[in-house]
Amino acid sequence: MNTNKKAAGIGSSAKLSALWASLMFLYIYADHISLFRTGQIEEMMAGRMGPFPVTQVSLLLASILMLIPAMMIFLTTIMKPGLNRCVNLILGVLYTLVNISNLIGDTWIFYTFFGVVEIAFTLLIVWYAWKLPNTES
């Protein structure tokens, strides 16, 4: 029987990777469920993405915004500890702010629910990144 609790669990990098993966699922499901809101399809057909017009640039920026968490699922498992800590701290804070800004003005309860959970996950990313060592042990 393994009595070493630290050895029995997964490492912080794996936890960070799992948090980024879970965050991606939350983003996908929130956006998918949003399509069922009244008028959403008409707004899309009119070339609007929330308050923004749909353009090449807006779609590229949205793509980059979603590409970063997708890449972090893998990158957190291969980056050196100091870089891993720094990148996860910066992106965790950045995506917390993004998630907060997404909630401004939205009145749909399901979207607020997703947003609060997303904020909790990005704060957990910051927490686990903060606990990562700066160097390899």
Protein backbone atom coordinates (compact mmCIF):
# COMPACT_ATOMS: atom_id res chain seq x y z
CA MET A 1 0.00 0.00 0.00
CA ASN A 2 1.30 3.42 -0.97
CA THR A 3 1.32 5.74 2.05
CA ASN A 4 2.94 8.63 0.21
CA LYS A 5 -0.05 10.84 -0.64
CA LYS A 6 1.93 13.03 -3.05
CA ALA A 7 3.05 10.02 -5.09
CA ALA A 8 -0.51 8.65 -5.22
CA GLY A 9 -1.90 11.73 -6.99
CA ILE A 10 -1.07 13.34 -10.30
CA GLY A 11 1.45 16.15 -10.65
CA SER A 12 0.64 19.82 -10.95
CA SER A 13 1.42 19.90 -14.68
CA ALA A 14 -1.13 17.15 -15.30
CA LYS A 15 -3.66 19.02 -13.16
CA LEU A 16 -3.05 22.18 -15.19
CA SER A 17 -3.46 20.25 -18.42
CA ALA A 18 -6.74 18.76 -17.16
CA LEU A 19 -7.98 22.22 -16.14
CA TRP A 20 -7.22 23.65 -19.59
CA ALA A 21 -9.01 20.68 -21.22
CA SER A 22 -12.02 21.11 -18.95
CA LEU A 23 -12.05 24.84 -19.67
CA MET A 24 -12.15 24.09 -23.41
CA PHE A 25 -15.17 21.83 -22.90
CA LEU A 26 -16.91 24.56 -20.92
CA TYR A 27 -16.25 27.09 -23.71
CA ILE A 28 -17.55 24.70 -26.36
CA TYR A 29 -20.70 23.76 -24.44
CA ALA A 30 -21.51 27.35 -23.45
CA ASP A 31 -21.18 28.48 -27.07
CA HIS A 32 -23.17 25.51 -28.35
CA ILE A 33 -26.01 26.03 -25.88
CA SER A 34 -25.97 29.76 -26.74
CA LEU A 35 -27.07 28.87 -30.26
CA PHE A 36 -30.49 27.96 -28.84
CA ARG A 37 -31.17 31.47 -27.55
CA THR A 38 -33.94 33.23 -29.40
CA GLY A 39 -32.54 35.38 -32.21
CA GLN A 40 -29.02 33.94 -32.05
CA ILE A 41 -29.13 32.32 -35.49
CA GLU A 42 -30.58 35.50 -37.02
CA GLU A 43 -27.79 37.51 -35.39
CA MET A 44 -25.21 35.15 -36.86
CA MET A 45 -26.83 35.36 -40.29
CA ALA A 46 -26.76 39.17 -40.01
CA GLY A 47 -23.00 39.01 -39.54
CA ARG A 48 -22.85 39.81 -35.82
CA MET A 49 -20.87 38.07 -33.10
CA GLY A 50 -22.32 39.58 -29.95
CA PRO A 51 -21.63 43.30 -30.14
CA PHE A 52 -18.99 42.85 -32.86
CA PRO A 53 -19.35 42.55 -36.64
CA VAL A 54 -18.11 39.29 -38.11
CA THR A 55 -15.00 40.03 -40.15
CA GLN A 56 -11.86 38.16 -41.12
CA VAL A 57 -10.06 39.86 -38.23
CA SER A 58 -12.77 39.21 -35.60
CA LEU A 59 -12.92 35.52 -36.53
CA LEU A 60 -9.12 35.27 -36.49
CA LEU A 61 -9.01 36.89 -33.03
CA ALA A 62 -11.74 34.55 -31.74
CA SER A 63 -9.80 31.62 -33.19
CA ILE A 64 -6.59 32.70 -31.44
CA LEU A 65 -8.51 33.20 -28.20
CA MET A 66 -9.66 29.56 -28.36
CA LEU A 67 -6.43 28.16 -29.81
CA ILE A 68 -4.37 29.23 -26.80
CA PRO A 69 -6.24 27.11 -24.20
CA ALA A 70 -6.28 24.18 -26.64
CA MET A 71 -2.50 24.42 -27.00
CA MET A 72 -2.03 24.76 -23.24
CA ILE A 73 -3.49 21.27 -22.76
CA PHE A 74 -0.33 19.88 -24.33
CA LEU A 75 2.17 22.63 -23.54
CA THR A 76 1.68 22.35 -19.77
CA THR A 77 2.94 18.78 -19.98
CA ILE A 78 6.18 19.60 -21.85
CA MET A 79 7.31 23.06 -20.72
CA LYS A 80 10.15 23.40 -18.24
CA PRO A 81 8.87 24.19 -14.73
CA GLY A 82 9.86 27.87 -14.62
CA LEU A 83 8.37 28.62 -18.03
CA ASN A 84 5.31 26.47 -17.26
CA ARG A 85 4.69 28.45 -14.06
CA CYS A 86 5.10 31.83 -15.77
CA VAL A 87 2.97 31.05 -18.84
CA ASN A 88 0.17 29.49 -16.80
CA LEU A 89 0.13 32.40 -14.34
CA ILE A 90 -0.08 34.97 -17.14
CA LEU A 91 -2.65 33.09 -19.22
CA GLY A 92 -4.68 32.08 -16.17
CA VAL A 93 -5.04 35.72 -15.15
CA LEU A 94 -5.67 36.83 -18.75
CA TYR A 95 -8.42 34.25 -19.30
CA THR A 96 -9.96 35.08 -15.92
CA LEU A 97 -10.30 38.66 -17.18
CA VAL A 98 -11.66 37.44 -20.53
CA ASN A 99 -14.26 35.33 -18.73
CA ILE A 100 -15.27 38.25 -16.51
CA SER A 101 -15.62 40.53 -19.54
CA ASN A 102 -17.80 37.92 -21.28
CA LEU A 103 -20.29 38.14 -18.43
CA ILE A 104 -20.71 41.91 -18.61
CA GLY A 105 -24.21 42.70 -19.82
CA ASP A 106 -25.29 39.08 -20.30
CA THR A 107 -28.57 38.24 -18.56
CA TRP A 108 -28.93 34.55 -19.40
CA ILE A 109 -28.61 32.44 -16.24
CA PHE A 110 -27.01 29.46 -18.00
CA TYR A 111 -24.32 31.71 -19.47
CA THR A 112 -23.62 33.29 -16.09
CA PHE A 113 -23.39 29.79 -14.61
CA PHE A 114 -20.87 28.72 -17.25
CA GLY A 115 -18.95 31.98 -16.78
CA VAL A 116 -18.67 31.54 -13.02
CA VAL A 117 -17.41 27.97 -13.44
CA GLU A 118 -14.95 29.12 -16.14
CA ILE A 119 -13.65 31.82 -13.78
CA ALA A 120 -13.26 29.20 -11.04
CA PHE A 121 -11.26 27.01 -13.42
CA THR A 122 -8.98 29.85 -14.56
CA LEU A 123 -8.39 30.81 -10.92
CA LEU A 124 -7.51 27.17 -10.21
CA ILE A 125 -5.04 27.38 -13.10
CA VAL A 126 -3.46 30.42 -11.43
CA TRP A 127 -3.44 28.59 -8.06
CA TYR A 128 -1.78 25.44 -9.39
CA ALA A 129 0.67 27.47 -11.48
CA TRP A 130 1.60 29.50 -8.41
CA LYS A 131 2.41 26.25 -6.58
CA LEU A 132 4.66 24.97 -9.40
CA PRO A 133 8.37 25.07 -8.66
CA ASN A 134 10.49 27.53 -10.62
CA THR A 135 13.06 24.85 -11.38
CA GLU A 136 13.16 21.10 -11.83
CA SER A 137 13.58 19.17 -8.59
